[in-house]
Amino acid sequence: MAEAIVSLSVAANIIQFVDFAARITDKFYKFYQSDSGVVDDGPDLKTINSDLLAVLEELQKTTSTTKTSSPGLAKLAQECEKTADQLNKLILPLLKARFQNLGKRAALKAAFQAIWRENEIESLQEKLNSFRSQLTLHLLVSLR
């Protein structure tokens, strides 16, 4: 029985290693071949984030000039802006590495950084999505 558990554990570790190696290889290839115009499959986070920051700036201007706006909306916009700035700090080095003609070593380093930061980026995206829904709710209430 113990041998079966050990062999299952070894098989799971091998599968996990192969999955990690495949993800690293995919990212490495994208970073290394970036000069040939290879585009990422996901959304353009930099464009979305910069658009969000522009909207938040406009929202903060509007809430500061309007006396009837709720203080919760302004605070929510500030927190959303902090999260968007954090996301920008995470993705900016990856984007710079992405559009440079990198050597093999630098591309491999950038691929490892992208994989390590993947969970952090996803959690910040989820946080921004929840901020977006809250901002939408506040704006709908203020329009009523």
C-alpha atoms as a PDB file:
ATOM      1  CA  MET A   1       0.000   0.000   0.000  1.00  0.00           C
ATOM      2  CA  ALA A   2       2.807   2.401   0.867  1.00  0.00           C
ATOM      3  CA  GLU A   3       4.494   1.734  -2.488  1.00  0.00           C
ATOM      4  CA  ALA A   4       1.304   2.729  -4.312  1.00  0.00           C
ATOM      5  CA  ILE A   5       1.118   6.026  -2.424  1.00  0.00           C
ATOM      6  CA  VAL A   6       4.786   6.740  -3.100  1.00  0.00           C
ATOM      7  CA  SER A   7       4.420   5.961  -6.796  1.00  0.00           C
ATOM      8  CA  LEU A   8       1.303   8.158  -6.997  1.00  0.00           C
ATOM      9  CA  SER A   9       3.214  10.970  -5.287  1.00  0.00           C
ATOM     10  CA  VAL A  10       6.139  10.611  -7.699  1.00  0.00           C
ATOM     11  CA  ALA A  11       3.772  10.633 -10.675  1.00  0.00           C
ATOM     12  CA  ALA A  12       2.038  13.766  -9.370  1.00  0.00           C
ATOM     13  CA  ASN A  13       5.402  15.500  -8.905  1.00  0.00           C
ATOM     14  CA  ILE A  14       6.469  14.567 -12.418  1.00  0.00           C
ATOM     15  CA  ILE A  15       3.215  15.907 -13.881  1.00  0.00           C
ATOM     16  CA  GLN A  16       3.599  19.115 -11.871  1.00  0.00           C
ATOM     17  CA  PHE A  17       7.188  19.535 -13.094  1.00  0.00           C
ATOM     18  CA  VAL A  18       6.185  18.927 -16.719  1.00  0.00           C
ATOM     19  CA  ASP A  19       3.377  21.489 -16.405  1.00  0.00           C
ATOM     20  CA  PHE A  20       5.748  24.064 -14.916  1.00  0.00           C
ATOM     21  CA  ALA A  21       8.361  23.378 -17.596  1.00  0.00           C
ATOM     22  CA  ALA A  22       5.751  23.764 -20.334  1.00  0.00           C
ATOM     23  CA  ARG A  23       4.591  27.110 -18.920  1.00  0.00           C
ATOM     24  CA  ILE A  24       8.196  28.352 -18.636  1.00  0.00           C
ATOM     25  CA  THR A  25       8.954  27.196 -22.178  1.00  0.00           C
ATOM     26  CA  ASP A  26       5.863  28.955 -23.520  1.00  0.00           C
ATOM     27  CA  LYS A  27       6.728  32.229 -21.759  1.00  0.00           C
ATOM     28  CA  PHE A  28      10.386  31.925 -22.767  1.00  0.00           C
ATOM     29  CA  TYR A  29       9.444  31.461 -26.399  1.00  0.00           C
ATOM     30  CA  LYS A  30       7.125  34.488 -26.294  1.00  0.00           C
ATOM     31  CA  PHE A  31       9.795  36.693 -24.732  1.00  0.00           C
ATOM     32  CA  TYR A  32      12.553  35.414 -27.012  1.00  0.00           C
ATOM     33  CA  GLN A  33      10.506  35.746 -30.223  1.00  0.00           C
ATOM     34  CA  SER A  34       8.900  39.080 -29.240  1.00  0.00           C
ATOM     35  CA  ASP A  35      10.712  40.987 -31.999  1.00  0.00           C
ATOM     36  CA  SER A  36       8.814  38.958 -34.601  1.00  0.00           C
ATOM     37  CA  GLY A  37       5.475  40.426 -33.510  1.00  0.00           C
ATOM     38  CA  VAL A  38       4.204  37.517 -31.441  1.00  0.00           C
ATOM     39  CA  VAL A  39       1.247  38.791 -29.429  1.00  0.00           C
ATOM     40  CA  ASP A  40       0.012  37.560 -26.071  1.00  0.00           C
ATOM     41  CA  ASP A  41      -3.293  35.710 -26.003  1.00  0.00           C
ATOM     42  CA  GLY A  42      -4.610  37.577 -22.961  1.00  0.00           C
ATOM     43  CA  PRO A  43      -6.006  41.090 -22.748  1.00  0.00           C
ATOM     44  CA  ASP A  44      -3.656  44.026 -22.973  1.00  0.00           C
ATOM     45  CA  LEU A  45      -3.339  44.766 -19.273  1.00  0.00           C
ATOM     46  CA  LYS A  46      -1.351  47.944 -19.782  1.00  0.00           C
ATOM     47  CA  THR A  47      -4.048  49.503 -21.977  1.00  0.00           C
ATOM     48  CA  ILE A  48      -6.861  48.440 -19.657  1.00  0.00           C
ATOM     49  CA  ASN A  49      -4.986  49.679 -16.610  1.00  0.00           C
ATOM     50  CA  SER A  50      -4.058  53.066 -18.088  1.00  0.00           C
ATOM     51  CA  ASP A  51      -7.663  53.551 -19.215  1.00  0.00           C
ATOM     52  CA  LEU A  52      -8.862  52.701 -15.714  1.00  0.00           C
ATOM     53  CA  LEU A  53      -6.446  55.215 -14.195  1.00  0.00           C
ATOM     54  CA  ALA A  54      -7.714  57.920 -16.556  1.00  0.00           C
ATOM     55  CA  VAL A  55     -11.332  57.164 -15.621  1.00  0.00           C
ATOM     56  CA  LEU A  56     -10.467  57.209 -11.918  1.00  0.00           C
ATOM     57  CA  GLU A  57      -8.713  60.557 -12.286  1.00  0.00           C
ATOM     58  CA  GLU A  58     -11.798  61.993 -13.998  1.00  0.00           C
ATOM     59  CA  LEU A  59     -14.032  60.485 -11.318  1.00  0.00           C
ATOM     60  CA  GLN A  60     -11.963  62.024  -8.540  1.00  0.00           C
ATOM     61  CA  LYS A  61     -12.165  65.436 -10.226  1.00  0.00           C
ATOM     62  CA  THR A  62     -15.930  65.090 -10.500  1.00  0.00           C
ATOM     63  CA  THR A  63     -16.404  63.976  -6.896  1.00  0.00           C
ATOM     64  CA  SER A  64     -14.215  66.790  -5.580  1.00  0.00           C
ATOM     65  CA  THR A  65     -16.234  69.479  -7.415  1.00  0.00           C
ATOM     66  CA  THR A  66     -19.661  67.982  -6.654  1.00  0.00           C
ATOM     67  CA  LYS A  67     -20.903  68.520  -3.107  1.00  0.00           C
ATOM     68  CA  THR A  68     -23.621  65.860  -3.331  1.00  0.00           C
ATOM     69  CA  SER A  69     -21.267  62.964  -4.085  1.00  0.00           C
ATOM     70  CA  SER A  70     -20.758  60.348  -1.413  1.00  0.00           C
ATOM     71  CA  PRO A  71     -17.447  60.121   0.435  1.00  0.00           C
ATOM     72  CA  GLY A  72     -17.559  56.352  -0.089  1.00  0.00           C
ATOM     73  CA  LEU A  73     -17.224  56.817  -3.825  1.00  0.00           C
ATOM     74  CA  ALA A  74     -14.110  58.960  -3.458  1.00  0.00           C
ATOM     75  CA  LYS A  75     -12.531  56.482  -1.035  1.00  0.00           C
ATOM     76  CA  LEU A  76     -13.393  53.593  -3.334  1.00  0.00           C
ATOM     77  CA  ALA A  77     -11.793  55.404  -6.264  1.00  0.00           C
ATOM     78  CA  GLN A  78      -8.623  56.039  -4.228  1.00  0.00           C
ATOM     79  CA  GLU A  79      -8.341  52.367  -3.229  1.00  0.00           C
ATOM     80  CA  CYS A  80      -8.941  51.310  -6.815  1.00  0.00           C
ATOM     81  CA  GLU A  81      -6.211  53.688  -7.974  1.00  0.00           C
ATOM     82  CA  LYS A  82      -3.745  52.208  -5.457  1.00  0.00           C
ATOM     83  CA  THR A  83      -4.495  48.707  -6.706  1.00  0.00           C
ATOM     84  CA  ALA A  84      -4.134  49.804 -10.340  1.00  0.00           C
ATOM     85  CA  ASP A  85      -0.762  51.372  -9.518  1.00  0.00           C
ATOM     86  CA  GLN A  86       0.355  48.112  -7.884  1.00  0.00           C
ATOM     87  CA  LEU A  87      -0.669  46.220 -11.001  1.00  0.00           C
ATOM     88  CA  ASN A  88       1.227  48.702 -13.178  1.00  0.00           C
ATOM     89  CA  LYS A  89       4.383  48.199 -11.094  1.00  0.00           C
ATOM     90  CA  LEU A  90       4.083  44.446 -11.560  1.00  0.00           C
ATOM     91  CA  ILE A  91       3.410  44.346 -15.287  1.00  0.00           C
ATOM     92  CA  LEU A  92       5.629  47.203 -16.472  1.00  0.00           C
ATOM     93  CA  PRO A  93       8.948  45.299 -16.180  1.00  0.00           C
ATOM     94  CA  LEU A  94       7.366  42.308 -17.907  1.00  0.00           C
ATOM     95  CA  LEU A  95       6.067  44.473 -20.736  1.00  0.00           C
ATOM     96  CA  LYS A  96       9.441  46.163 -21.165  1.00  0.00           C
ATOM     97  CA  ALA A  97      11.106  42.756 -21.371  1.00  0.00           C
ATOM     98  CA  ARG A  98       8.414  41.554 -23.750  1.00  0.00           C
ATOM     99  CA  PHE A  99       9.080  44.124 -26.457  1.00  0.00           C
ATOM    100  CA  GLN A 100      12.845  44.106 -26.350  1.00  0.00           C
ATOM    101  CA  ASN A 101      15.044  41.837 -28.365  1.00  0.00           C
ATOM    102  CA  LEU A 102      16.215  39.656 -25.480  1.00  0.00           C
ATOM    103  CA  GLY A 103      18.955  37.102 -25.445  1.00  0.00           C
ATOM    104  CA  LYS A 104      18.241  33.590 -24.272  1.00  0.00           C
ATOM    105  CA  ARG A 105      19.328  34.190 -20.687  1.00  0.00           C
ATOM    106  CA  ALA A 106      17.335  37.421 -20.299  1.00  0.00           C
ATOM    107  CA  ALA A 107      14.279  35.840 -21.924  1.00  0.00           C
ATOM    108  CA  LEU A 108      14.474  32.893 -19.526  1.00  0.00           C
ATOM    109  CA  LYS A 109      14.780  35.272 -16.556  1.00  0.00           C
ATOM    110  CA  ALA A 110      11.761  37.267 -17.774  1.00  0.00           C
ATOM    111  CA  ALA A 111       9.784  34.049 -18.243  1.00  0.00           C
ATOM    112  CA  PHE A 112      10.493  32.963 -14.662  1.00  0.00           C
ATOM    113  CA  GLN A 113       9.453  36.403 -13.381  1.00  0.00           C
ATOM    114  CA  ALA A 114       6.225  36.234 -15.367  1.00  0.00           C
ATOM    115  CA  ILE A 115       5.384  32.808 -13.949  1.00  0.00           C
ATOM    116  CA  TRP A 116       6.233  33.814 -10.361  1.00  0.00           C
ATOM    117  CA  ARG A 117       4.102  36.961 -10.583  1.00  0.00           C
ATOM    118  CA  GLU A 118       1.191  35.316 -12.378  1.00  0.00           C
ATOM    119  CA  ASN A 119      -0.839  34.654  -9.216  1.00  0.00           C
ATOM    120  CA  GLU A 120      -0.181  38.141  -7.884  1.00  0.00           C
ATOM    121  CA  ILE A 121      -1.315  39.712 -11.157  1.00  0.00           C
ATOM    122  CA  GLU A 122      -4.462  37.584 -11.223  1.00  0.00           C
ATOM    123  CA  SER A 123      -5.350  38.505  -7.639  1.00  0.00           C
ATOM    124  CA  LEU A 124      -4.911  42.214  -8.399  1.00  0.00           C
ATOM    125  CA  GLN A 125      -7.097  41.809 -11.491  1.00  0.00           C
ATOM    126  CA  GLU A 126      -9.816  40.186  -9.390  1.00  0.00           C
ATOM    127  CA  LYS A 127      -9.545  42.984  -6.845  1.00  0.00           C
ATOM    128  CA  LEU A 128      -9.888  45.568  -9.614  1.00  0.00           C
ATOM    129  CA  ASN A 129     -12.943  43.745 -10.972  1.00  0.00           C
ATOM    130  CA  SER A 130     -14.613  43.921  -7.572  1.00  0.00           C
ATOM    131  CA  PHE A 131     -13.733  47.626  -7.361  1.00  0.00           C
ATOM    132  CA  ARG A 132     -15.246  48.112 -10.788  1.00  0.00           C
ATOM    133  CA  SER A 133     -18.520  46.519  -9.782  1.00  0.00           C
ATOM    134  CA  GLN A 134     -18.647  48.617  -6.605  1.00  0.00           C
ATOM    135  CA  LEU A 135     -17.892  51.802  -8.566  1.00  0.00           C
ATOM    136  CA  THR A 136     -20.646  50.919 -11.028  1.00  0.00           C
ATOM    137  CA  LEU A 137     -23.075  50.414  -8.167  1.00  0.00           C
ATOM    138  CA  HIS A 138     -22.140  53.768  -6.608  1.00  0.00           C
ATOM    139  CA  LEU A 139     -22.496  55.573  -9.918  1.00  0.00           C
ATOM    140  CA  LEU A 140     -25.886  53.992 -10.597  1.00  0.00           C
ATOM    141  CA  VAL A 141     -27.123  55.020  -7.160  1.00  0.00           C
ATOM    142  CA  SER A 142     -25.825  58.561  -7.647  1.00  0.00           C
ATOM    143  CA  LEU A 143     -27.602  58.800 -11.011  1.00  0.00           C
ATOM    144  CA  ARG A 144     -30.910  57.852  -9.424  1.00  0.00           C
END
